[in-house]
C-alpha atoms as a PDB file:
ATOM      1  CA  MET A   1       0.000   0.000   0.000  1.00  0.00           C
ATOM      2  CA  LYS A   2       2.879   2.348   0.839  1.00  0.00           C
ATOM      3  CA  LEU A   3       4.472   1.668  -2.556  1.00  0.00           C
ATOM      4  CA  LEU A   4       1.220   2.552  -4.315  1.00  0.00           C
ATOM      5  CA  LEU A   5       0.878   5.794  -2.365  1.00  0.00           C
ATOM      6  CA  ASP A   6       4.531   6.688  -2.980  1.00  0.00           C
ATOM      7  CA  SER A   7       4.164   6.079  -6.714  1.00  0.00           C
ATOM      8  CA  TYR A   8       0.996   8.212  -6.814  1.00  0.00           C
ATOM      9  CA  VAL A   9       2.745  11.091  -5.001  1.00  0.00           C
ATOM     10  CA  ALA A  10       5.759  10.778  -7.319  1.00  0.00           C
ATOM     11  CA  GLY A  11       3.398  10.921 -10.308  1.00  0.00           C
ATOM     12  CA  VAL A  12       1.686  14.000  -8.890  1.00  0.00           C
ATOM     13  CA  LEU A  13       5.042  15.734  -8.498  1.00  0.00           C
ATOM     14  CA  ILE A  14       6.237  14.822 -11.994  1.00  0.00           C
ATOM     15  CA  VAL A  15       2.980  15.919 -13.647  1.00  0.00           C
ATOM     16  CA  ALA A  16       2.831  19.112 -11.574  1.00  0.00           C
ATOM     17  CA  ILE A  17       6.384  20.033 -12.580  1.00  0.00           C
ATOM     18  CA  ARG A  18       5.630  19.345 -16.247  1.00  0.00           C
ATOM     19  CA  LEU A  19       2.461  21.454 -16.171  1.00  0.00           C
ATOM     20  CA  ALA A  20       4.212  24.233 -14.243  1.00  0.00           C
ATOM     21  CA  LEU A  21       6.905  24.393 -16.919  1.00  0.00           C
ATOM     22  CA  GLN A  22       4.190  24.628 -19.558  1.00  0.00           C
ATOM     23  CA  MET A  23       2.448  27.397 -17.625  1.00  0.00           C
ATOM     24  CA  VAL A  24       5.642  29.411 -17.145  1.00  0.00           C
ATOM     25  CA  TYR A  25       7.247  29.067 -20.558  1.00  0.00           C
ATOM     26  CA  VAL A  26       4.321  28.697 -22.994  1.00  0.00           C
ATOM     27  CA  LEU A  27       1.396  30.655 -21.591  1.00  0.00           C
ATOM     28  CA  ASP A  28       1.700  34.416 -21.963  1.00  0.00           C
ATOM     29  CA  SER A  29       0.053  37.404 -20.330  1.00  0.00           C
ATOM     30  CA  TYR A  30      -2.922  37.216 -22.703  1.00  0.00           C
ATOM     31  CA  ASN A  31      -3.669  33.682 -21.518  1.00  0.00           C
ATOM     32  CA  TRP A  32      -3.318  34.660 -17.861  1.00  0.00           C
ATOM     33  CA  ASP A  33      -5.477  37.789 -18.242  1.00  0.00           C
ATOM     34  CA  SER A  34      -8.343  35.985 -19.913  1.00  0.00           C
ATOM     35  CA  ARG A  35      -8.374  32.609 -18.106  1.00  0.00           C
ATOM     36  CA  LYS A  36      -6.384  32.624 -14.864  1.00  0.00           C
ATOM     37  CA  LEU A  37      -8.949  30.595 -12.899  1.00  0.00           C
ATOM     38  CA  ASP A  38      -9.321  28.056 -15.703  1.00  0.00           C
ATOM     39  CA  ILE A  39      -5.547  27.573 -15.924  1.00  0.00           C
ATOM     40  CA  TRP A  40      -5.199  26.922 -12.187  1.00  0.00           C
ATOM     41  CA  PHE A  41      -8.235  24.592 -12.218  1.00  0.00           C
ATOM     42  CA  THR A  42      -6.719  22.577 -15.081  1.00  0.00           C
ATOM     43  CA  PHE A  43      -3.363  22.445 -13.294  1.00  0.00           C
ATOM     44  CA  SER A  44      -4.946  21.175 -10.075  1.00  0.00           C
ATOM     45  CA  LEU A  45      -7.265  18.689 -11.726  1.00  0.00           C
ATOM     46  CA  VAL A  46      -4.688  17.126 -14.024  1.00  0.00           C
ATOM     47  CA  SER A  47      -2.066  16.999 -11.268  1.00  0.00           C
ATOM     48  CA  LEU A  48      -4.362  15.129  -8.913  1.00  0.00           C
ATOM     49  CA  LEU A  49      -6.069  12.913 -11.498  1.00  0.00           C
ATOM     50  CA  TRP A  50      -2.956  12.081 -13.482  1.00  0.00           C
ATOM     51  CA  PRO A  51      -3.657   8.308 -13.565  1.00  0.00           C
ATOM     52  CA  LEU A  52      -6.733   9.007 -15.697  1.00  0.00           C
ATOM     53  CA  PHE A  53      -4.660  11.139 -18.057  1.00  0.00           C
ATOM     54  CA  ALA A  54      -2.053   8.380 -18.236  1.00  0.00           C
ATOM     55  CA  LEU A  55      -4.564   6.505 -20.409  1.00  0.00           C
ATOM     56  CA  LYS A  56      -3.917   9.173 -23.054  1.00  0.00           C
ATOM     57  CA  PRO A  57      -0.260  10.020 -22.392  1.00  0.00           C
ATOM     58  CA  HIS A  58       0.003  12.587 -25.183  1.00  0.00           C
ATOM     59  CA  TYR A  59      -1.719  15.038 -22.815  1.00  0.00           C
ATOM     60  CA  LEU A  60       1.054  14.549 -20.267  1.00  0.00           C
ATOM     61  CA  ILE A  61       3.839  14.772 -22.863  1.00  0.00           C
ATOM     62  CA  ASP A  62       2.462  17.816 -24.683  1.00  0.00           C
ATOM     63  CA  PRO A  63      -0.156  19.581 -22.519  1.00  0.00           C
ATOM     64  CA  ASP A  64      -1.007  22.314 -25.068  1.00  0.00           C
ATOM     65  CA  PRO A  65      -4.551  20.966 -25.633  1.00  0.00           C
ATOM     66  CA  LEU A  66      -5.203  21.071 -21.886  1.00  0.00           C
ATOM     67  CA  PHE A  67      -4.576  24.816 -21.810  1.00  0.00           C
ATOM     68  CA  ASP A  68      -6.506  25.596 -24.995  1.00  0.00           C
ATOM     69  CA  ASP A  69      -7.850  29.136 -24.842  1.00  0.00           C
ATOM     70  CA  TYR A  70     -10.740  28.793 -27.328  1.00  0.00           C
ATOM     71  CA  GLY A  71      -9.383  31.771 -29.277  1.00  0.00           C
ATOM     72  CA  ILE A  72      -9.853  34.440 -26.602  1.00  0.00           C
ATOM     73  CA  ALA A  73      -6.149  35.063 -26.006  1.00  0.00           C
ATOM     74  CA  LYS A  74      -5.439  34.721 -29.725  1.00  0.00           C
ATOM     75  CA  ARG A  75      -8.056  37.348 -30.479  1.00  0.00           C
ATOM     76  CA  MET A  76      -6.666  39.741 -27.850  1.00  0.00           C
ATOM     77  CA  ARG A  77      -3.127  39.305 -29.248  1.00  0.00           C
ATOM     78  CA  GLU A  78      -4.364  40.112 -32.740  1.00  0.00           C
ATOM     79  CA  LEU A  79      -6.268  43.195 -31.555  1.00  0.00           C
ATOM     80  CA  ASP A  80      -3.175  44.501 -29.760  1.00  0.00           C
ATOM     81  CA  ARG A  81      -1.049  43.849 -32.861  1.00  0.00           C
ATOM     82  CA  LEU A  82      -3.536  45.770 -34.981  1.00  0.00           C
ATOM     83  CA  ARG A  83      -3.591  48.600 -32.456  1.00  0.00           C
ATOM     84  CA  GLU A  84       0.214  48.865 -32.510  1.00  0.00           C
ATOM     85  CA  ASN A  85       0.622  48.410 -36.290  1.00  0.00           C
ATOM     86  CA  PRO A  86      -2.546  49.407 -38.123  1.00  0.00           C
ATOM     87  CA  PRO A  87      -2.829  48.305 -41.751  1.00  0.00           C
ATOM     88  CA  ILE A  88      -1.972  50.806 -44.448  1.00  0.00           C
ATOM     89  CA  CYS A  89      -5.130  52.433 -45.779  1.00  0.00           C
ATOM     90  CA  GLY A  90      -5.364  53.215 -49.478  1.00  0.00           C
END
């Protein structure tokens, strides 16, 4: 029983570190401004329920789909780009 609990805790730590790296290095301020609560909820849920996500390990290897922003952050980035560099009018 102790071995099972130790392996679960080790898995939690490994998955939490992987997701934390994704959150720090991939997500930008647009993601954090639009969906901070959703990001932390996903981090907590996946970290604790990692054995269920081990059935589809591509989510643990590349967690981009877990932090999908449904276009909100993408739209805000594009609006800021247009605000900074408006298109040339003819």
